């Protein structure tokens, strides 16, 4: 049993492994919000599929943050499943635009 498996941090109802904390990263995206009649439509330029529709701009912002998180988590989990058992090199790449 390794260190990350033995030691866990419990915060509220969540059990976050130290491995997950080490993989935490913060990203910035470009959110675009358009008012159409009584609705706000929001999407992320850099992340296809991240789009929302809400009654207020604040609700659209909150929903878009959640959509981004869910998409990134899902993409990471799918990639982990596809790489399981394979010999891979994993590294961070920084891009300045």
N, C-alpha and C. Protein backbone atom coordinates (compact mmCIF):
# COMPACT_ATOMS: atom_id res chain seq x y z
N UNK A 1 0.85 -1.17 0.00
CA UNK A 1 0.00 0.00 0.00
C UNK A 1 0.89 1.23 0.00
N UNK A 2 0.69 2.15 -0.94
CA UNK A 2 1.54 3.33 -1.04
C UNK A 2 1.03 4.46 -0.15
N UNK A 3 1.83 5.50 -0.05
CA UNK A 3 1.53 6.65 0.80
C UNK A 3 0.18 7.27 0.47
N UNK A 4 -0.09 7.46 -0.82
CA UNK A 4 -1.34 8.11 -1.24
C UNK A 4 -2.55 7.27 -0.87
N UNK A 5 -2.40 5.97 -0.89
CA UNK A 5 -3.52 5.10 -0.57
C UNK A 5 -3.79 5.12 0.94
N UNK A 6 -2.72 5.14 1.74
CA UNK A 6 -2.89 5.09 3.19
C UNK A 6 -3.41 6.39 3.78
N UNK A 7 -2.96 7.49 3.26
CA UNK A 7 -3.33 8.79 3.84
C UNK A 7 -4.36 9.49 2.98
N UNK A 8 -5.46 9.79 3.53
CA UNK A 8 -6.52 10.48 2.82
C UNK A 8 -7.00 11.67 3.63
N UNK A 9 -7.44 12.65 2.93
CA UNK A 9 -7.97 13.84 3.58
C UNK A 9 -9.48 13.84 3.40
N UNK A 10 -10.20 13.92 4.48
CA UNK A 10 -11.65 13.98 4.38
C UNK A 10 -12.09 15.42 4.56
N UNK A 11 -12.83 15.91 3.62
CA UNK A 11 -13.34 17.27 3.68
C UNK A 11 -14.83 17.21 3.39
N UNK A 12 -15.65 17.54 4.36
CA UNK A 12 -17.10 17.43 4.27
C UNK A 12 -17.44 15.98 3.91
N UNK A 13 -18.25 15.78 2.88
CA UNK A 13 -18.65 14.43 2.50
C UNK A 13 -17.74 13.85 1.44
N UNK A 14 -16.67 14.57 1.09
CA UNK A 14 -15.80 14.14 0.01
C UNK A 14 -14.54 13.50 0.55
N UNK A 15 -14.08 12.48 -0.13
CA UNK A 15 -12.84 11.81 0.21
C UNK A 15 -11.87 12.08 -0.93
N UNK A 16 -10.93 13.00 -0.72
CA UNK A 16 -10.02 13.41 -1.78
C UNK A 16 -8.66 12.78 -1.54
N UNK A 17 -8.18 11.98 -2.46
CA UNK A 17 -6.87 11.37 -2.29
C UNK A 17 -5.77 12.40 -2.51
N UNK A 18 -4.62 12.19 -1.92
CA UNK A 18 -3.50 13.10 -2.12
C UNK A 18 -3.09 13.13 -3.58
N UNK A 19 -3.27 12.01 -4.28
CA UNK A 19 -2.97 11.96 -5.71
C UNK A 19 -3.84 12.96 -6.47
N UNK A 20 -5.12 13.04 -6.12
CA UNK A 20 -6.01 13.98 -6.79
C UNK A 20 -5.61 15.41 -6.52
N UNK A 21 -5.20 15.70 -5.30
CA UNK A 21 -4.77 17.05 -4.97
C UNK A 21 -3.55 17.43 -5.79
N UNK A 22 -2.62 16.48 -5.94
CA UNK A 22 -1.40 16.75 -6.71
C UNK A 22 -1.72 17.03 -8.17
N UNK A 23 -2.82 16.50 -8.69
CA UNK A 23 -3.19 16.69 -10.08
C UNK A 23 -4.09 17.91 -10.30
N UNK A 24 -4.40 18.64 -9.23
CA UNK A 24 -5.25 19.82 -9.34
C UNK A 24 -4.55 20.89 -10.15
N UNK A 25 -5.27 21.51 -11.04
CA UNK A 25 -4.71 22.63 -11.77
C UNK A 25 -5.81 23.61 -12.09
N UNK A 26 -5.41 24.86 -12.22
CA UNK A 26 -6.36 25.92 -12.52
C UNK A 26 -6.15 26.38 -13.95
N UNK A 27 -7.24 26.54 -14.68
CA UNK A 27 -7.18 26.99 -16.06
C UNK A 27 -8.12 28.17 -16.24
N UNK A 28 -7.84 28.97 -17.24
CA UNK A 28 -8.72 30.07 -17.61
C UNK A 28 -9.24 29.83 -19.02
N UNK A 29 -10.51 30.14 -19.22
CA UNK A 29 -11.15 29.96 -20.51
C UNK A 29 -11.88 31.24 -20.88
N UNK A 30 -12.24 31.36 -22.14
CA UNK A 30 -12.99 32.52 -22.61
C UNK A 30 -14.47 32.16 -22.66
N UNK A 31 -15.25 32.76 -21.77
CA UNK A 31 -16.70 32.54 -21.75
C UNK A 31 -17.36 33.64 -22.58
N UNK A 32 -18.32 33.24 -23.39
CA UNK A 32 -19.08 34.18 -24.21
C UNK A 32 -20.54 34.03 -23.82
N UNK A 33 -21.18 35.16 -23.48
CA UNK A 33 -22.59 35.16 -23.09
C UNK A 33 -23.37 36.06 -24.04
N UNK A 34 -24.47 35.54 -24.52
CA UNK A 34 -25.31 36.29 -25.44
C UNK A 34 -26.73 36.32 -24.89
N UNK A 35 -27.33 37.48 -24.86
CA UNK A 35 -28.71 37.61 -24.38
C UNK A 35 -29.66 37.43 -25.56
N UNK A 36 -30.51 36.43 -25.46
CA UNK A 36 -31.53 36.17 -26.49
C UNK A 36 -32.89 36.17 -25.81
N UNK A 37 -33.66 37.21 -26.07
CA UNK A 37 -34.96 37.39 -25.42
C UNK A 37 -34.79 37.37 -23.91
N UNK A 38 -35.39 36.42 -23.23
CA UNK A 38 -35.31 36.34 -21.76
C UNK A 38 -34.23 35.37 -21.28
N UNK A 39 -33.36 34.93 -22.17
CA UNK A 39 -32.36 33.91 -21.81
C UNK A 39 -30.95 34.42 -22.05
N UNK A 40 -30.02 33.85 -21.30
CA UNK A 40 -28.59 34.05 -21.55
C UNK A 40 -28.02 32.72 -22.06
N UNK A 41 -27.41 32.78 -23.22
CA UNK A 41 -26.75 31.62 -23.80
C UNK A 41 -25.26 31.81 -23.55
N UNK A 42 -24.60 30.79 -23.00
CA UNK A 42 -23.18 30.90 -22.74
C UNK A 42 -22.43 29.71 -23.30
N UNK A 43 -21.20 29.96 -23.76
CA UNK A 43 -20.35 28.88 -24.24
C UNK A 43 -18.89 29.26 -24.03
N UNK A 44 -18.03 28.27 -24.16
CA UNK A 44 -16.59 28.48 -24.00
C UNK A 44 -15.94 28.32 -25.36
N UNK A 45 -15.21 29.35 -25.78
CA UNK A 45 -14.58 29.32 -27.10
C UNK A 45 -13.60 28.15 -27.24
N UNK A 46 -12.85 27.86 -26.20
CA UNK A 46 -11.78 26.86 -26.30
C UNK A 46 -12.24 25.43 -26.01
N UNK A 47 -13.49 25.25 -25.64
CA UNK A 47 -13.93 23.92 -25.22
C UNK A 47 -15.28 23.56 -25.85
N UNK A 48 -15.25 22.95 -27.02
CA UNK A 48 -16.51 22.57 -27.68
C UNK A 48 -17.37 21.70 -26.75
N UNK A 49 -18.65 21.96 -26.75
CA UNK A 49 -19.57 21.18 -25.92
C UNK A 49 -19.89 21.84 -24.59
N UNK A 50 -19.11 22.84 -24.20
CA UNK A 50 -19.39 23.55 -22.95
C UNK A 50 -20.30 24.72 -23.28
N UNK A 51 -21.61 24.50 -23.13
CA UNK A 51 -22.56 25.57 -23.40
C UNK A 51 -23.76 25.43 -22.46
N UNK A 52 -24.38 26.57 -22.16
CA UNK A 52 -25.50 26.59 -21.21
C UNK A 52 -26.55 27.59 -21.66
N UNK A 53 -27.72 27.48 -21.02
CA UNK A 53 -28.81 28.43 -21.24
C UNK A 53 -29.48 28.67 -19.90
N UNK A 54 -29.50 29.92 -19.44
CA UNK A 54 -30.09 30.25 -18.15
C UNK A 54 -30.85 31.57 -18.24
N UNK A 55 -31.66 31.85 -17.23
CA UNK A 55 -32.47 33.08 -17.19
C UNK A 55 -31.66 34.32 -16.83
N UNK A 56 -30.63 34.16 -15.98
CA UNK A 56 -29.82 35.32 -15.58
C UNK A 56 -28.36 35.09 -15.97
N UNK A 57 -27.64 36.19 -16.07
CA UNK A 57 -26.23 36.11 -16.41
C UNK A 57 -25.46 35.38 -15.31
N UNK A 58 -25.79 35.64 -14.05
CA UNK A 58 -25.11 34.96 -12.94
C UNK A 58 -25.35 33.46 -12.99
N UNK A 59 -26.58 33.04 -13.25
CA UNK A 59 -26.88 31.61 -13.37
C UNK A 59 -26.11 30.98 -14.53
N UNK A 60 -26.01 31.71 -15.64
CA UNK A 60 -25.28 31.21 -16.80
C UNK A 60 -23.80 31.05 -16.47
N UNK A 61 -23.23 32.01 -15.74
CA UNK A 61 -21.83 31.91 -15.33
C UNK A 61 -21.60 30.67 -14.46
N UNK A 62 -22.46 30.48 -13.48
CA UNK A 62 -22.32 29.35 -12.57
C UNK A 62 -22.48 28.02 -13.32
N UNK A 63 -23.48 27.95 -14.18
CA UNK A 63 -23.71 26.72 -14.94
C UNK A 63 -22.55 26.42 -15.88
N UNK A 64 -21.98 27.47 -16.47
CA UNK A 64 -20.87 27.26 -17.39
C UNK A 64 -19.63 26.76 -16.65
N UNK A 65 -19.37 27.30 -15.47
CA UNK A 65 -18.25 26.78 -14.65
C UNK A 65 -18.44 25.30 -14.37
N UNK A 66 -19.66 24.93 -14.00
CA UNK A 66 -19.95 23.52 -13.70
C UNK A 66 -19.80 22.65 -14.95
N UNK A 67 -20.28 23.14 -16.09
CA UNK A 67 -20.16 22.39 -17.34
C UNK A 67 -18.69 22.16 -17.69
N UNK A 68 -17.86 23.18 -17.53
CA UNK A 68 -16.43 23.05 -17.81
C UNK A 68 -15.81 21.99 -16.91
N UNK A 69 -16.10 22.08 -15.62
CA UNK A 69 -15.55 21.10 -14.68
C UNK A 69 -15.95 19.68 -15.06
N UNK A 70 -17.23 19.48 -15.35
CA UNK A 70 -17.72 18.14 -15.69
C UNK A 70 -17.08 17.61 -16.97
N UNK A 71 -16.94 18.46 -17.96
CA UNK A 71 -16.33 18.03 -19.22
C UNK A 71 -14.87 17.65 -19.01
N UNK A 72 -14.13 18.48 -18.28
CA UNK A 72 -12.71 18.18 -18.05
C UNK A 72 -12.52 16.92 -17.21
N UNK A 73 -13.34 16.75 -16.18
CA UNK A 73 -13.26 15.54 -15.36
C UNK A 73 -13.60 14.31 -16.19
N UNK A 74 -14.67 14.40 -16.98
CA UNK A 74 -15.07 13.26 -17.81
C UNK A 74 -13.99 12.91 -18.83
N UNK A 75 -13.42 13.94 -19.48
CA UNK A 75 -12.37 13.69 -20.47
C UNK A 75 -11.16 13.03 -19.82
N UNK A 76 -10.79 13.48 -18.63
CA UNK A 76 -9.64 12.90 -17.92
C UNK A 76 -9.92 11.44 -17.55
N UNK A 77 -11.13 11.16 -17.05
CA UNK A 77 -11.48 9.80 -16.68
C UNK A 77 -11.49 8.87 -17.89
N UNK A 78 -12.03 9.34 -19.02
CA UNK A 78 -12.03 8.53 -20.24
C UNK A 78 -10.60 8.25 -20.71
N UNK A 79 -9.75 9.26 -20.65
CA UNK A 79 -8.35 9.07 -21.05
C UNK A 79 -7.66 8.08 -20.14
N UNK A 80 -7.92 8.15 -18.83
CA UNK A 80 -7.32 7.21 -17.88
C UNK A 80 -7.74 5.78 -18.20
N UNK A 81 -9.00 5.59 -18.52
CA UNK A 81 -9.49 4.25 -18.86
C UNK A 81 -8.80 3.72 -20.11
N UNK A 82 -8.64 4.58 -21.12
CA UNK A 82 -8.02 4.15 -22.38
C UNK A 82 -6.53 3.88 -22.21
N UNK A 83 -5.88 4.54 -21.24
CA UNK A 83 -4.44 4.37 -21.04
C UNK A 83 -4.11 3.29 -20.02
N UNK A 84 -5.10 2.75 -19.37
CA UNK A 84 -4.89 1.76 -18.33
C UNK A 84 -4.06 0.59 -18.86
N UNK A 85 -2.97 0.30 -18.16
CA UNK A 85 -2.12 -0.82 -18.53
C UNK A 85 -1.12 -0.53 -19.63
N UNK A 86 -1.12 0.68 -20.15
CA UNK A 86 -0.20 1.04 -21.23
C UNK A 86 1.02 1.77 -20.67
N UNK A 87 2.14 1.63 -21.35
CA UNK A 87 3.37 2.33 -20.97
C UNK A 87 3.34 3.71 -21.62
N UNK A 88 3.07 4.74 -20.82
CA UNK A 88 2.93 6.09 -21.36
C UNK A 88 3.82 7.07 -20.60
N UNK A 89 4.13 8.17 -21.24
CA UNK A 89 4.83 9.28 -20.60
C UNK A 89 3.81 10.39 -20.41
N UNK A 90 3.69 10.86 -19.19
CA UNK A 90 2.73 11.91 -18.87
C UNK A 90 3.49 13.13 -18.39
N UNK A 91 3.23 14.29 -19.00
CA UNK A 91 3.91 15.50 -18.59
C UNK A 91 3.02 16.71 -18.84
N UNK A 92 3.28 17.79 -18.12
CA UNK A 92 2.55 19.03 -18.29
C UNK A 92 3.14 19.81 -19.45
N UNK A 93 2.30 20.46 -20.21
CA UNK A 93 2.74 21.32 -21.30
C UNK A 93 2.11 22.69 -21.07
N UNK A 94 2.92 23.73 -21.09
CA UNK A 94 2.43 25.09 -20.91
C UNK A 94 2.46 25.81 -22.25
N UNK A 95 1.36 26.46 -22.56
CA UNK A 95 1.25 27.21 -23.82
C UNK A 95 0.85 28.63 -23.48
N UNK A 96 1.56 29.59 -24.02
CA UNK A 96 1.20 30.99 -23.84
C UNK A 96 0.62 31.51 -25.15
N UNK A 97 -0.56 32.09 -25.07
CA UNK A 97 -1.21 32.61 -26.28
C UNK A 97 -1.40 34.10 -26.12
